[in-house]
Amino acid sequence: MNRTWILGAALATGWFTAIGASAQAVIGQPAPAFTTIDASGKSVSLSDFKGKHVVLEWVNPGCPYVQKHYNSGNMPATQKAATSKGVTWLTVSSTSKDAGDYRAPKELVGWIEGKGGAPSATLIDDNGKIGRAYGARTTPHMYLIDPHGKLLYAGAIDSKATSNPADIAAATNYVNQAVGEALAGKPVSQPTTRAYGCSIKYADG
């Protein structure tokens, strides 16, 4: 087994594939419905985006793996590549308010925008209901949903499970790959991968 992957997995104690993470979040089945508020306090439901492909991205600015992809510009570039093709990109924060690296909504949006990020919306999931429904365990953890609400992809942003930005250039960007295949009407060739990153700090209960 690749030593780099082992190191990344050891540092990211919460990784695993989304299919095993939740009985509700299953590739090829309807993605779990949700309604929450975005960072501006507006109500947002997954059903609002029926007819569009939707990417879900779990985020925590305090995580070195998240910093890897934002500081390098990789996550913002992936966001913009998707949204420029009509994909809706929803960044989700499931970090508990009790966690030391919790960021209030406005502060979170400020951080994302300061890194060049441009998601369609930033969703606040302080109680962790959305994250638990999807089986999200790491930041980042990525999902792709088709226009009919079916889950097409769940897992990592790319194939290099490290916190080193230098590894991005040689990595396969699974999100770009899945979005490209889906928009071309092709089956997603790698519908599940092992997500890597920092464990999501869920609220108790």
Protein backbone atom coordinates (compact mmCIF):
# COMPACT_ATOMS: atom_id res chain seq x y z
CA MET A 1 0.00 0.00 0.00
CA ASN A 2 1.21 3.47 -0.83
CA ARG A 3 3.11 4.99 2.12
CA THR A 4 1.84 8.49 1.32
CA TRP A 5 -1.73 7.26 1.49
CA ILE A 6 -1.06 5.51 4.82
CA LEU A 7 0.39 8.71 6.29
CA GLY A 8 -2.58 10.75 5.11
CA ALA A 9 -5.03 8.22 6.49
CA ALA A 10 -3.24 8.08 9.82
CA LEU A 11 -3.40 11.83 10.17
CA ALA A 12 -7.01 11.91 9.05
CA THR A 13 -8.55 9.53 11.55
CA GLY A 14 -12.04 10.02 10.19
CA TRP A 15 -11.64 8.79 6.62
CA PHE A 16 -13.73 6.16 4.98
CA THR A 17 -15.90 5.68 1.93
CA ALA A 18 -19.27 7.31 1.96
CA ILE A 19 -21.19 4.18 1.04
CA GLY A 20 -20.24 2.58 4.34
CA ALA A 21 -20.70 5.81 6.23
CA SER A 22 -24.46 6.09 6.06
CA ALA A 23 -27.29 3.87 4.98
CA GLN A 24 -28.90 6.92 3.39
CA ALA A 25 -25.99 8.15 1.25
CA VAL A 26 -25.60 5.43 -1.36
CA ILE A 27 -24.16 5.84 -4.83
CA GLY A 28 -26.90 5.49 -7.43
CA GLN A 29 -29.64 6.24 -4.91
CA PRO A 30 -31.37 9.56 -4.06
CA ALA A 31 -29.08 11.85 -2.07
CA PRO A 32 -30.37 12.70 1.42
CA ALA A 33 -32.69 15.71 1.29
CA PHE A 34 -31.93 18.64 3.54
CA THR A 35 -32.93 22.16 4.45
CA THR A 36 -30.62 24.49 6.36
CA ILE A 37 -29.50 28.10 6.32
CA ASP A 38 -26.64 29.60 4.41
CA ALA A 39 -24.09 32.00 5.86
CA SER A 40 -26.41 34.95 5.23
CA GLY A 41 -29.29 33.31 7.10
CA LYS A 42 -31.24 32.34 3.98
CA SER A 43 -33.03 28.98 3.94
CA VAL A 44 -31.55 26.57 1.42
CA SER A 45 -32.85 23.13 0.43
CA LEU A 46 -31.27 20.55 -1.83
CA SER A 47 -34.56 20.50 -3.75
CA ASP A 48 -33.96 24.15 -4.72
CA PHE A 49 -31.41 22.89 -7.23
CA LYS A 50 -33.46 20.18 -8.92
CA GLY A 51 -32.46 20.03 -12.56
CA LYS A 52 -28.82 20.90 -11.84
CA HIS A 53 -25.75 18.97 -10.89
CA VAL A 54 -24.73 19.79 -7.31
CA VAL A 55 -21.35 19.43 -5.61
CA LEU A 56 -21.19 19.30 -1.81
CA GLU A 57 -17.86 20.20 -0.19
CA TRP A 58 -17.24 19.88 3.55
CA VAL A 59 -14.90 22.57 4.87
CA ASN A 60 -13.02 23.61 8.00
CA PRO A 61 -10.41 26.40 7.61
CA GLY A 62 -8.45 25.06 10.60
CA CYS A 63 -7.67 21.79 8.82
CA PRO A 64 -4.23 21.50 7.12
CA TYR A 65 -5.77 19.46 4.29
CA VAL A 66 -8.36 22.16 3.63
CA GLN A 67 -5.60 24.76 3.77
CA LYS A 68 -3.63 22.72 1.23
CA HIS A 69 -6.41 22.98 -1.33
CA TYR A 70 -7.40 26.58 -0.61
CA ASN A 71 -3.96 28.15 -0.11
CA SER A 72 -2.77 26.58 -3.36
CA GLY A 73 -5.86 27.74 -5.21
CA ASN A 74 -6.88 24.18 -6.08
CA MET A 75 -10.26 24.20 -4.36
CA PRO A 76 -11.24 27.64 -5.71
CA ALA A 77 -10.20 26.55 -9.21
CA THR A 78 -12.22 23.35 -8.90
CA GLN A 79 -15.23 25.35 -7.70
CA LYS A 80 -14.99 27.81 -10.57
CA ALA A 81 -14.48 25.09 -13.17
CA ALA A 82 -17.69 23.42 -12.01
CA THR A 83 -19.85 26.51 -11.61
CA SER A 84 -18.76 27.87 -14.99
CA LYS A 85 -20.44 24.80 -16.48
CA GLY A 86 -23.70 25.39 -14.62
CA VAL A 87 -22.99 23.17 -11.61
CA THR A 88 -24.20 24.38 -8.21
CA TRP A 89 -21.45 24.22 -5.58
CA LEU A 90 -22.48 24.09 -1.93
CA THR A 91 -19.75 24.38 0.68
CA VAL A 92 -20.87 22.92 4.02
CA SER A 93 -19.58 23.55 7.53
CA SER A 94 -20.57 20.88 10.05
CA THR A 95 -18.04 22.02 12.67
CA SER A 96 -19.60 22.25 16.12
CA LYS A 97 -19.79 25.67 17.75
CA ASP A 98 -17.92 24.14 20.70
CA ALA A 99 -14.89 23.23 18.57
CA GLY A 100 -11.77 25.37 18.94
CA ASP A 101 -11.51 25.97 15.20
CA TYR A 102 -15.19 26.83 14.68
CA ARG A 103 -15.75 29.88 12.49
CA ALA A 104 -18.89 31.99 12.62
CA PRO A 105 -20.73 32.19 9.27
CA LYS A 106 -19.49 35.63 8.21
CA GLU A 107 -15.94 34.80 9.25
CA LEU A 108 -16.10 31.50 7.36
CA VAL A 109 -17.30 33.20 4.19
CA GLY A 110 -14.62 35.85 4.59
CA TRP A 111 -11.95 33.18 4.80
CA ILE A 112 -13.26 31.31 1.74
CA GLU A 113 -13.54 34.48 -0.34
CA GLY A 114 -10.12 35.63 0.86
CA LYS A 115 -8.65 32.49 -0.66
CA GLY A 116 -10.41 33.11 -3.96
CA GLY A 117 -13.19 30.63 -3.25
CA ALA A 118 -16.48 31.10 -5.07
CA PRO A 119 -19.04 28.48 -4.04
CA SER A 120 -22.67 29.02 -5.00
CA ALA A 121 -23.50 29.12 -1.28
CA THR A 122 -21.92 28.31 2.08
CA LEU A 123 -24.23 26.21 4.22
CA ILE A 124 -24.22 26.14 8.01
CA ASP A 125 -24.73 22.70 9.56
CA ASP A 126 -23.80 23.39 13.18
CA ASN A 127 -25.97 20.53 14.44
CA GLY A 128 -24.34 18.11 12.00
CA LYS A 129 -27.58 16.73 10.59
CA ILE A 130 -26.55 17.09 6.96
CA GLY A 131 -23.05 15.78 7.55
CA ARG A 132 -24.29 12.74 9.41
CA ALA A 133 -26.94 12.02 6.77
CA TYR A 134 -24.25 11.95 4.09
CA GLY A 135 -21.69 10.14 6.21
CA ALA A 136 -19.24 13.02 5.83
CA ARG A 137 -16.24 12.32 8.02
CA THR A 138 -13.43 14.55 6.81
CA THR A 139 -12.67 18.03 5.61
CA PRO A 140 -12.64 18.08 2.70
CA HIS A 141 -15.24 15.41 1.83
CA MET A 142 -16.82 15.71 -1.60
CA TYR A 143 -20.10 14.59 -3.17
CA LEU A 144 -21.68 14.99 -6.61
CA ILE A 145 -25.44 14.80 -7.14
CA ASP A 146 -27.14 14.62 -10.53
CA PRO A 147 -30.08 16.79 -11.72
CA HIS A 148 -32.55 14.13 -10.59
CA GLY A 149 -31.12 14.11 -7.06
CA LYS A 150 -29.16 10.87 -7.41
CA LEU A 151 -25.74 10.55 -5.77
CA LEU A 152 -23.02 10.08 -8.38
CA TYR A 153 -19.77 10.51 -6.46
CA ALA A 154 -18.56 10.45 -2.86
CA GLY A 155 -15.02 10.71 -1.56
CA ALA A 156 -11.81 12.71 -1.86
CA ILE A 157 -11.11 15.77 -3.92
CA ASP A 158 -8.07 14.08 -5.42
CA SER A 159 -5.77 11.08 -5.39
CA LYS A 160 -2.94 12.43 -3.20
CA ALA A 161 -3.88 11.94 0.45
CA THR A 162 -1.38 14.39 1.91
CA SER A 163 -1.39 17.92 3.27
CA ASN A 164 1.47 18.93 0.96
CA PRO A 165 0.40 21.38 -1.79
CA ALA A 166 3.28 20.19 -3.95
CA ASP A 167 1.41 16.91 -4.47
CA ILE A 168 -1.54 18.56 -6.21
CA ALA A 169 0.11 18.84 -9.62
CA ALA A 170 0.53 15.06 -9.94
CA ALA A 171 -2.87 14.20 -8.46
CA THR A 172 -6.02 13.12 -10.25
CA ASN A 173 -8.75 15.60 -9.36
CA TYR A 174 -11.65 13.23 -8.77
CA VAL A 175 -14.21 16.03 -8.59
CA ASN A 176 -13.20 17.53 -11.94
CA GLN A 177 -13.22 14.03 -13.39
CA ALA A 178 -16.66 13.16 -12.02
CA VAL A 179 -18.20 16.48 -13.05
CA GLY A 180 -16.75 16.21 -16.56
CA GLU A 181 -18.02 12.68 -17.05
CA ALA A 182 -21.45 13.48 -15.63
CA LEU A 183 -21.91 16.55 -17.82
CA ALA A 184 -20.89 14.49 -20.85
CA GLY A 185 -23.62 11.98 -20.05
CA LYS A 186 -21.11 9.28 -19.11
CA PRO A 187 -21.09 7.10 -16.00
CA VAL A 188 -18.70 8.35 -13.31
CA SER A 189 -15.71 6.05 -13.66
CA GLN A 190 -14.70 6.29 -9.99
CA PRO A 191 -17.95 6.83 -8.06
CA THR A 192 -16.34 6.29 -4.65
CA THR A 193 -12.88 7.03 -3.30
CA ARG A 194 -11.47 7.25 0.21
CA ALA A 195 -11.93 10.77 1.52
CA TYR A 196 -8.92 12.13 3.41
CA GLY A 197 -8.47 15.09 5.70
CA CYS A 198 -9.26 16.11 9.28
CA SER A 199 -12.11 14.46 11.17
CA ILE A 200 -15.24 16.62 11.27
CA LYS A 201 -15.84 17.93 14.77
CA TYR A 202 -19.53 17.15 15.14
CA ALA A 203 -21.71 18.44 17.95
CA ASP A 204 -22.63 15.77 20.52
CA GLY A 205 -25.85 13.95 20.03
